[in-house]
Amino acid sequence: MGFKSGQGLEWCVAGHAERNAIVNAARKGMPALEGCSIYMTCGVPCTPCLIE
């Protein structure tokens, strides 16, 4: 898209691992994820992932 490094991230269509884990569990018909924990090695998730 022509953005410099670190710019235009709001236009990124890549899925983050946190979101992908939840979506894939839902697609496979897993029971409700309420009460589950997700562990990350990145420290703090990005704002959109934190909101979800």
C-alpha atoms as a PDB file:
ATOM      1  CA  MET A   1       0.000   0.000   0.000  1.00  0.00           C
ATOM      2  CA  GLY A   2       3.032   2.238   0.039  1.00  0.00           C
ATOM      3  CA  PHE A   3       3.175   3.098   3.751  1.00  0.00           C
ATOM      4  CA  LYS A   4       6.480   3.603   5.512  1.00  0.00           C
ATOM      5  CA  SER A   5       7.368   1.266   8.369  1.00  0.00           C
ATOM      6  CA  GLY A   6       5.095   1.846  11.372  1.00  0.00           C
ATOM      7  CA  GLN A   7       2.559   3.923   9.418  1.00  0.00           C
ATOM      8  CA  GLY A   8      -0.878   2.994   8.096  1.00  0.00           C
ATOM      9  CA  LEU A   9      -1.312   0.158  10.586  1.00  0.00           C
ATOM     10  CA  GLU A  10      -5.037   0.922  10.861  1.00  0.00           C
ATOM     11  CA  TRP A  11      -5.343  -0.330   7.253  1.00  0.00           C
ATOM     12  CA  CYS A  12      -3.614  -3.661   7.926  1.00  0.00           C
ATOM     13  CA  VAL A  13      -5.836  -6.613   6.997  1.00  0.00           C
ATOM     14  CA  ALA A  14      -3.635  -9.233   8.663  1.00  0.00           C
ATOM     15  CA  GLY A  15      -5.259 -11.145  11.494  1.00  0.00           C
ATOM     16  CA  HIS A  16      -3.494 -11.151  14.825  1.00  0.00           C
ATOM     17  CA  ALA A  17      -2.863 -14.419  16.652  1.00  0.00           C
ATOM     18  CA  GLU A  18      -5.114 -13.462  19.572  1.00  0.00           C
ATOM     19  CA  ARG A  19      -8.096 -12.841  17.300  1.00  0.00           C
ATOM     20  CA  ASN A  20      -7.307 -15.869  15.117  1.00  0.00           C
ATOM     21  CA  ALA A  21      -7.303 -18.194  18.138  1.00  0.00           C
ATOM     22  CA  ILE A  22     -10.787 -17.065  19.168  1.00  0.00           C
ATOM     23  CA  VAL A  23     -12.214 -17.120  15.631  1.00  0.00           C
ATOM     24  CA  ASN A  24     -10.794 -20.579  14.893  1.00  0.00           C
ATOM     25  CA  ALA A  25     -12.218 -21.994  18.124  1.00  0.00           C
ATOM     26  CA  ALA A  26     -15.637 -20.590  17.216  1.00  0.00           C
ATOM     27  CA  ARG A  27     -15.453 -22.013  13.683  1.00  0.00           C
ATOM     28  CA  LYS A  28     -14.697 -25.477  15.030  1.00  0.00           C
ATOM     29  CA  GLY A  29     -17.762 -25.357  17.265  1.00  0.00           C
ATOM     30  CA  MET A  30     -15.845 -25.167  20.514  1.00  0.00           C
ATOM     31  CA  PRO A  31     -17.921 -24.531  23.638  1.00  0.00           C
ATOM     32  CA  ALA A  32     -18.247 -20.946  24.820  1.00  0.00           C
ATOM     33  CA  LEU A  33     -14.888 -19.354  25.534  1.00  0.00           C
ATOM     34  CA  GLU A  34     -16.210 -17.415  28.525  1.00  0.00           C
ATOM     35  CA  GLY A  35     -13.869 -17.845  31.467  1.00  0.00           C
ATOM     36  CA  CYS A  36     -10.967 -18.973  29.267  1.00  0.00           C
ATOM     37  CA  SER A  37      -7.531 -17.415  29.448  1.00  0.00           C
ATOM     38  CA  ILE A  38      -5.217 -16.507  26.607  1.00  0.00           C
ATOM     39  CA  TYR A  39      -1.488 -16.293  27.229  1.00  0.00           C
ATOM     40  CA  MET A  40       0.720 -14.068  25.100  1.00  0.00           C
ATOM     41  CA  THR A  41       4.459 -13.565  24.986  1.00  0.00           C
ATOM     42  CA  CYS A  42       4.281 -10.074  23.472  1.00  0.00           C
ATOM     43  CA  GLY A  43       3.493  -8.347  26.765  1.00  0.00           C
ATOM     44  CA  VAL A  44       0.631  -6.014  25.875  1.00  0.00           C
ATOM     45  CA  PRO A  45      -1.688  -6.689  22.924  1.00  0.00           C
ATOM     46  CA  CYS A  46      -2.460  -3.991  20.376  1.00  0.00           C
ATOM     47  CA  THR A  47      -5.460  -1.774  21.140  1.00  0.00           C
ATOM     48  CA  PRO A  48      -7.919  -3.460  18.712  1.00  0.00           C
ATOM     49  CA  CYS A  49      -7.071  -6.916  20.115  1.00  0.00           C
ATOM     50  CA  LEU A  50      -7.336  -5.616  23.672  1.00  0.00           C
ATOM     51  CA  ILE A  51     -10.832  -4.267  22.975  1.00  0.00           C
ATOM     52  CA  GLU A  52     -12.032  -7.554  21.507  1.00  0.00           C
END
